Amino acid sequence: MSTRADTPEHPIAKRGSDNPLAIFVTALSAAICLAISFGLVFEAFAVAAGGLFNFGETYLWVTGGLIGAITLWLFVWCLFRSIHVERRLRAGLDVDQPTLSIFGNPSRGTSGASQE
């Protein structure tokens, strides 16, 4: 197993991928893991609370729909944010502060980002 020395003659190879498909698959995987984990935990809490306090079937439908909508938003946000961060890192920029808007993470690399 050979490793490269971090010297001016042989800098460590750039990490990550320039392949858009690899970036998309990585971002999609992270978004799926985060959203499913969030959805399962909160849905289990809602079902347990409904059973404990006898809230009924309507409660489960309403909270299930609400948790499903929030989980879907979280999935899309995490997907766009992951792609945005990968593009910034590939361009050699620092990671910027996240915004809660899905469209707050530009899908075109560094557009609108300040370079400090």
N, C-alpha and C. Protein backbone atom coordinates (compact mmCIF):
# COMPACT_ATOMS: atom_id res chain seq x y z
N MET A 1 0.86 -1.17 0.00
CA MET A 1 0.00 0.00 0.00
C MET A 1 0.90 1.23 0.00
N SER A 2 0.81 1.99 -1.05
CA SER A 2 1.66 3.18 -1.14
C SER A 2 0.83 4.43 -0.87
N THR A 3 1.46 5.39 -0.23
CA THR A 3 0.80 6.67 0.03
C THR A 3 1.69 7.77 -0.51
N ARG A 4 1.08 8.84 -0.88
CA ARG A 4 1.84 9.98 -1.37
C ARG A 4 2.18 10.90 -0.22
N ALA A 5 3.35 11.47 -0.25
CA ALA A 5 3.76 12.42 0.76
C ALA A 5 3.16 13.78 0.42
N ASP A 6 2.80 14.53 1.44
CA ASP A 6 2.25 15.86 1.24
C ASP A 6 3.39 16.87 1.15
N THR A 7 4.04 16.89 0.01
CA THR A 7 5.14 17.81 -0.23
C THR A 7 4.79 18.67 -1.43
N PRO A 8 5.51 19.76 -1.64
CA PRO A 8 5.22 20.58 -2.83
C PRO A 8 5.37 19.81 -4.14
N GLU A 9 6.28 18.82 -4.16
CA GLU A 9 6.45 18.03 -5.37
C GLU A 9 5.33 17.02 -5.58
N HIS A 10 4.81 16.50 -4.47
CA HIS A 10 3.77 15.48 -4.52
C HIS A 10 2.65 15.80 -3.55
N PRO A 11 1.79 16.76 -3.88
CA PRO A 11 0.69 17.06 -2.96
C PRO A 11 -0.30 15.90 -2.89
N ILE A 12 -1.00 15.82 -1.80
CA ILE A 12 -2.01 14.77 -1.65
C ILE A 12 -3.08 14.96 -2.72
N ALA A 13 -3.50 13.88 -3.31
CA ALA A 13 -4.48 13.95 -4.39
C ALA A 13 -5.78 14.58 -3.88
N LYS A 14 -6.42 15.31 -4.77
CA LYS A 14 -7.70 15.95 -4.43
C LYS A 14 -8.73 14.87 -4.13
N ARG A 15 -9.44 15.04 -3.05
CA ARG A 15 -10.45 14.06 -2.67
C ARG A 15 -11.78 14.42 -3.29
N GLY A 16 -12.64 13.44 -3.41
CA GLY A 16 -13.93 13.68 -4.01
C GLY A 16 -13.92 13.30 -5.48
N SER A 17 -15.01 13.57 -6.11
CA SER A 17 -15.16 13.16 -7.50
C SER A 17 -15.58 14.34 -8.35
N ASP A 18 -15.13 14.35 -9.59
CA ASP A 18 -15.59 15.34 -10.55
C ASP A 18 -16.76 14.80 -11.37
N ASN A 19 -17.09 13.55 -11.17
CA ASN A 19 -18.18 12.92 -11.90
C ASN A 19 -19.52 13.36 -11.32
N PRO A 20 -20.38 14.03 -12.10
CA PRO A 20 -21.68 14.47 -11.58
C PRO A 20 -22.55 13.31 -11.11
N LEU A 21 -22.45 12.16 -11.74
CA LEU A 21 -23.25 11.01 -11.31
C LEU A 21 -22.82 10.54 -9.92
N ALA A 22 -21.52 10.52 -9.66
CA ALA A 22 -21.03 10.12 -8.34
C ALA A 22 -21.48 11.11 -7.27
N ILE A 23 -21.43 12.39 -7.59
CA ILE A 23 -21.89 13.41 -6.64
C ILE A 23 -23.37 13.24 -6.37
N PHE A 24 -24.17 13.00 -7.41
CA PHE A 24 -25.60 12.82 -7.24
C PHE A 24 -25.92 11.59 -6.40
N VAL A 25 -25.25 10.48 -6.68
CA VAL A 25 -25.51 9.25 -5.92
C VAL A 25 -25.13 9.42 -4.45
N THR A 26 -24.02 10.09 -4.19
CA THR A 26 -23.61 10.35 -2.81
C THR A 26 -24.61 11.24 -2.10
N ALA A 27 -25.04 12.31 -2.76
CA ALA A 27 -26.02 13.22 -2.17
C ALA A 27 -27.36 12.53 -1.96
N LEU A 28 -27.78 11.72 -2.92
CA LEU A 28 -29.04 11.00 -2.80
C LEU A 28 -28.99 10.02 -1.63
N SER A 29 -27.88 9.33 -1.48
CA SER A 29 -27.74 8.37 -0.37
C SER A 29 -27.81 9.07 0.98
N ALA A 30 -27.12 10.19 1.10
CA ALA A 30 -27.15 10.94 2.36
C ALA A 30 -28.55 11.46 2.64
N ALA A 31 -29.24 11.96 1.62
CA ALA A 31 -30.59 12.48 1.81
C ALA A 31 -31.56 11.38 2.22
N ILE A 32 -31.44 10.22 1.60
CA ILE A 32 -32.32 9.10 1.95
C ILE A 32 -32.10 8.67 3.39
N CYS A 33 -30.84 8.53 3.79
CA CYS A 33 -30.54 8.11 5.17
C CYS A 33 -31.08 9.11 6.19
N LEU A 34 -30.86 10.39 5.94
CA LEU A 34 -31.31 11.42 6.88
C LEU A 34 -32.82 11.48 6.95
N ALA A 35 -33.48 11.50 5.80
CA ALA A 35 -34.94 11.63 5.79
C ALA A 35 -35.64 10.41 6.37
N ILE A 36 -35.17 9.23 6.03
CA ILE A 36 -35.81 8.02 6.57
C ILE A 36 -35.61 7.94 8.07
N SER A 37 -34.43 8.27 8.55
CA SER A 37 -34.19 8.25 9.99
C SER A 37 -35.10 9.24 10.70
N PHE A 38 -35.19 10.45 10.18
CA PHE A 38 -36.07 11.46 10.77
C PHE A 38 -37.51 10.98 10.77
N GLY A 39 -37.98 10.52 9.61
CA GLY A 39 -39.37 10.09 9.49
C GLY A 39 -39.70 8.93 10.41
N LEU A 40 -38.83 7.95 10.50
CA LEU A 40 -39.10 6.79 11.35
C LEU A 40 -39.16 7.16 12.83
N VAL A 41 -38.23 7.98 13.27
CA VAL A 41 -38.19 8.35 14.68
C VAL A 41 -39.44 9.14 15.06
N PHE A 42 -39.81 10.13 14.27
CA PHE A 42 -40.96 10.95 14.63
C PHE A 42 -42.28 10.24 14.42
N GLU A 43 -42.35 9.37 13.42
CA GLU A 43 -43.57 8.59 13.24
C GLU A 43 -43.75 7.60 14.38
N ALA A 44 -42.67 6.99 14.85
CA ALA A 44 -42.76 6.08 15.99
C ALA A 44 -43.21 6.84 17.24
N PHE A 45 -42.69 8.05 17.42
CA PHE A 45 -43.12 8.87 18.56
C PHE A 45 -44.61 9.21 18.44
N ALA A 46 -45.07 9.55 17.26
CA ALA A 46 -46.48 9.90 17.07
C ALA A 46 -47.39 8.70 17.32
N VAL A 47 -46.99 7.54 16.84
CA VAL A 47 -47.79 6.33 17.06
C VAL A 47 -47.81 5.96 18.55
N ALA A 48 -46.66 6.08 19.21
CA ALA A 48 -46.61 5.78 20.64
C ALA A 48 -47.46 6.76 21.44
N ALA A 49 -47.40 8.04 21.10
CA ALA A 49 -48.21 9.04 21.81
C ALA A 49 -49.69 8.80 21.54
N GLY A 50 -50.04 8.44 20.30
CA GLY A 50 -51.44 8.15 19.97
C GLY A 50 -51.97 6.97 20.74
N GLY A 51 -51.16 5.94 20.90
CA GLY A 51 -51.58 4.77 21.66
C GLY A 51 -51.65 5.04 23.15
N LEU A 52 -50.70 5.84 23.65
CA LEU A 52 -50.66 6.14 25.08
C LEU A 52 -51.84 7.00 25.52
N PHE A 53 -52.19 7.99 24.70
CA PHE A 53 -53.26 8.93 25.08
C PHE A 53 -54.57 8.66 24.36
N ASN A 54 -54.67 7.54 23.62
CA ASN A 54 -55.89 7.16 22.90
C ASN A 54 -56.42 8.29 22.02
N PHE A 55 -55.56 8.82 21.15
CA PHE A 55 -55.96 9.93 20.28
C PHE A 55 -56.82 9.48 19.11
N GLY A 56 -56.71 8.27 18.70
CA GLY A 56 -57.56 7.78 17.63
C GLY A 56 -56.89 7.78 16.26
N GLU A 57 -57.68 7.32 15.28
CA GLU A 57 -57.15 7.14 13.93
C GLU A 57 -56.93 8.47 13.21
N THR A 58 -57.78 9.45 13.47
CA THR A 58 -57.63 10.75 12.80
C THR A 58 -56.30 11.39 13.19
N TYR A 59 -55.93 11.28 14.43
CA TYR A 59 -54.65 11.81 14.89
C TYR A 59 -53.49 11.18 14.12
N LEU A 60 -53.57 9.85 13.93
CA LEU A 60 -52.49 9.17 13.21
C LEU A 60 -52.41 9.61 11.75
N TRP A 61 -53.56 9.82 11.11
CA TRP A 61 -53.56 10.28 9.72
C TRP A 61 -53.00 11.70 9.60
N VAL A 62 -53.42 12.57 10.51
CA VAL A 62 -52.96 13.97 10.45
C VAL A 62 -51.48 14.07 10.75
N THR A 63 -51.04 13.45 11.84
CA THR A 63 -49.62 13.52 12.18
C THR A 63 -48.76 12.77 11.17
N GLY A 64 -49.28 11.66 10.64
CA GLY A 64 -48.54 10.93 9.61
C GLY A 64 -48.35 11.77 8.36
N GLY A 65 -49.39 12.49 7.95
CA GLY A 65 -49.28 13.37 6.79
C GLY A 65 -48.33 14.53 7.04
N LEU A 66 -48.40 15.11 8.23
CA LEU A 66 -47.52 16.22 8.58
C LEU A 66 -46.06 15.76 8.62
N ILE A 67 -45.82 14.65 9.28
CA ILE A 67 -44.46 14.11 9.36
C ILE A 67 -43.97 13.71 7.96
N GLY A 68 -44.85 13.16 7.14
CA GLY A 68 -44.47 12.80 5.78
C GLY A 68 -44.08 14.02 4.95
N ALA A 69 -44.84 15.12 5.09
CA ALA A 69 -44.53 16.34 4.35
C ALA A 69 -43.20 16.94 4.82
N ILE A 70 -42.97 16.97 6.12
CA ILE A 70 -41.71 17.49 6.65
C ILE A 70 -40.53 16.61 6.22
N THR A 71 -40.75 15.30 6.23
CA THR A 71 -39.71 14.37 5.81
C THR A 71 -39.37 14.55 4.33
N LEU A 72 -40.37 14.75 3.49
CA LEU A 72 -40.13 14.98 2.07
C LEU A 72 -39.36 16.27 1.86
N TRP A 73 -39.74 17.35 2.58
CA TRP A 73 -39.01 18.61 2.48
C TRP A 73 -37.56 18.41 2.92
N LEU A 74 -37.35 17.69 4.02
CA LEU A 74 -36.00 17.44 4.52
C LEU A 74 -35.17 16.65 3.51
N PHE A 75 -35.79 15.68 2.86
CA PHE A 75 -35.10 14.90 1.84
C PHE A 75 -34.63 15.78 0.69
N VAL A 76 -35.53 16.60 0.16
CA VAL A 76 -35.17 17.46 -0.97
C VAL A 76 -34.12 18.48 -0.56
N TRP A 77 -34.28 19.08 0.64
CA TRP A 77 -33.31 20.06 1.11
C TRP A 77 -31.93 19.44 1.27
N CYS A 78 -31.87 18.27 1.88
CA CYS A 78 -30.58 17.60 2.09
C CYS A 78 -29.95 17.22 0.76
N LEU A 79 -30.75 16.79 -0.21
CA LEU A 79 -30.22 16.45 -1.53
C LEU A 79 -29.60 17.67 -2.19
N PHE A 80 -30.33 18.80 -2.23
CA PHE A 80 -29.80 20.01 -2.85
C PHE A 80 -28.60 20.56 -2.09
N ARG A 81 -28.65 20.50 -0.77
CA ARG A 81 -27.55 21.02 0.04
C ARG A 81 -26.28 20.19 -0.18
N SER A 82 -26.42 18.88 -0.24
CA SER A 82 -25.26 18.01 -0.45
C SER A 82 -24.61 18.27 -1.81
N ILE A 83 -25.43 18.42 -2.83
CA ILE A 83 -24.89 18.72 -4.16
C ILE A 83 -24.20 20.08 -4.15
N HIS A 84 -24.81 21.06 -3.52
CA HIS A 84 -24.23 22.41 -3.43
C HIS A 84 -22.87 22.38 -2.72
N VAL A 85 -22.79 21.68 -1.60
CA VAL A 85 -21.54 21.61 -0.84
C VAL A 85 -20.47 20.88 -1.64
N GLU A 86 -20.82 19.79 -2.30
CA GLU A 86 -19.84 19.06 -3.12
C GLU A 86 -19.28 19.94 -4.22
N ARG A 87 -20.12 20.73 -4.84
CA ARG A 87 -19.65 21.63 -5.91
C ARG A 87 -18.74 22.71 -5.36
N ARG A 88 -19.07 23.25 -4.19
CA ARG A 88 -18.21 24.28 -3.59
C ARG A 88 -16.85 23.68 -3.23
N LEU A 89 -16.84 22.49 -2.65
CA LEU A 89 -15.58 21.86 -2.28
C LEU A 89 -14.75 21.52 -3.50
N ARG A 90 -15.40 21.07 -4.56
CA ARG A 90 -14.68 20.75 -5.79
C ARG A 90 -14.06 22.00 -6.40
N ALA A 91 -14.74 23.16 -6.23
CA ALA A 91 -14.21 24.42 -6.76
C ALA A 91 -13.14 25.01 -5.86
N GLY A 92 -12.86 24.36 -4.72
CA GLY A 92 -11.82 24.85 -3.81
C GLY A 92 -12.32 25.91 -2.85
N LEU A 93 -13.63 26.07 -2.72
CA LEU A 93 -14.21 27.06 -1.82
C LEU A 93 -14.55 26.43 -0.48
N ASP A 94 -14.75 27.28 0.51
CA ASP A 94 -15.15 26.81 1.83
C ASP A 94 -16.66 26.56 1.83
N VAL A 95 -17.13 25.76 2.78
CA VAL A 95 -18.56 25.48 2.91
C VAL A 95 -19.23 26.72 3.49
N ASP A 96 -20.34 27.13 2.88
CA ASP A 96 -21.06 28.30 3.35
C ASP A 96 -22.12 27.91 4.38
N GLN A 97 -22.75 28.91 4.98
CA GLN A 97 -23.79 28.67 5.97
C GLN A 97 -25.06 28.18 5.28
N PRO A 98 -25.69 27.13 5.79
CA PRO A 98 -26.91 26.64 5.16
C PRO A 98 -28.10 27.56 5.43
N THR A 99 -29.05 27.56 4.51
CA THR A 99 -30.30 28.28 4.69
C THR A 99 -31.41 27.25 4.72
N LEU A 100 -32.55 27.61 5.29
CA LEU A 100 -33.65 26.66 5.40
C LEU A 100 -34.43 26.51 4.10
N SER A 101 -34.24 27.42 3.17
CA SER A 101 -34.93 27.35 1.90
C SER A 101 -34.31 26.27 1.02
N ILE A 102 -35.15 25.53 0.33
CA ILE A 102 -34.65 24.53 -0.61
C ILE A 102 -33.90 25.22 -1.73
N PHE A 103 -34.37 26.39 -2.14
CA PHE A 103 -33.76 27.11 -3.25
C PHE A 103 -32.65 28.04 -2.77
N GLY A 104 -32.34 28.04 -1.48
CA GLY A 104 -31.26 28.85 -0.95
C GLY A 104 -29.89 28.29 -1.27
N ASN A 105 -29.84 27.05 -1.70
CA ASN A 105 -28.60 26.40 -2.10
C ASN A 105 -28.57 26.36 -3.62
N PRO A 106 -27.86 27.30 -4.25
CA PRO A 106 -27.88 27.35 -5.72
C PRO A 106 -27.40 26.04 -6.32
N SER A 107 -28.08 25.60 -7.35
CA SER A 107 -27.71 24.34 -7.97
C SER A 107 -26.57 24.49 -8.97
N ARG A 108 -26.13 25.70 -9.21
CA ARG A 108 -25.08 25.94 -10.17
C ARG A 108 -23.81 26.37 -9.47
N GLY A 109 -23.19 25.46 -8.77
CA GLY A 109 -21.86 25.70 -8.21
C GLY A 109 -21.77 26.85 -7.24
N THR A 110 -21.08 27.93 -7.65
CA THR A 110 -20.76 29.01 -6.73
C THR A 110 -21.53 30.28 -7.01
N SER A 111 -22.57 30.23 -7.81
CA SER A 111 -23.28 31.46 -8.13
C SER A 111 -23.90 32.04 -6.88
N GLY A 112 -23.69 33.31 -6.69
CA GLY A 112 -24.25 34.00 -5.53
C GLY A 112 -23.47 33.80 -4.26
N ALA A 113 -22.38 33.08 -4.28
CA ALA A 113 -21.60 32.80 -3.07
C ALA A 113 -20.48 33.81 -2.96
N SER A 114 -20.27 34.29 -1.75
CA SER A 114 -19.17 35.22 -1.55
C SER A 114 -17.88 34.44 -1.35
N GLN A 115 -16.81 34.95 -1.91
CA GLN A 115 -15.52 34.29 -1.79
C GLN A 115 -14.65 35.14 -0.89
N GLU A 116 -14.61 34.78 0.38
CA GLU A 116 -13.82 35.54 1.35
C GLU A 116 -12.46 34.95 1.51
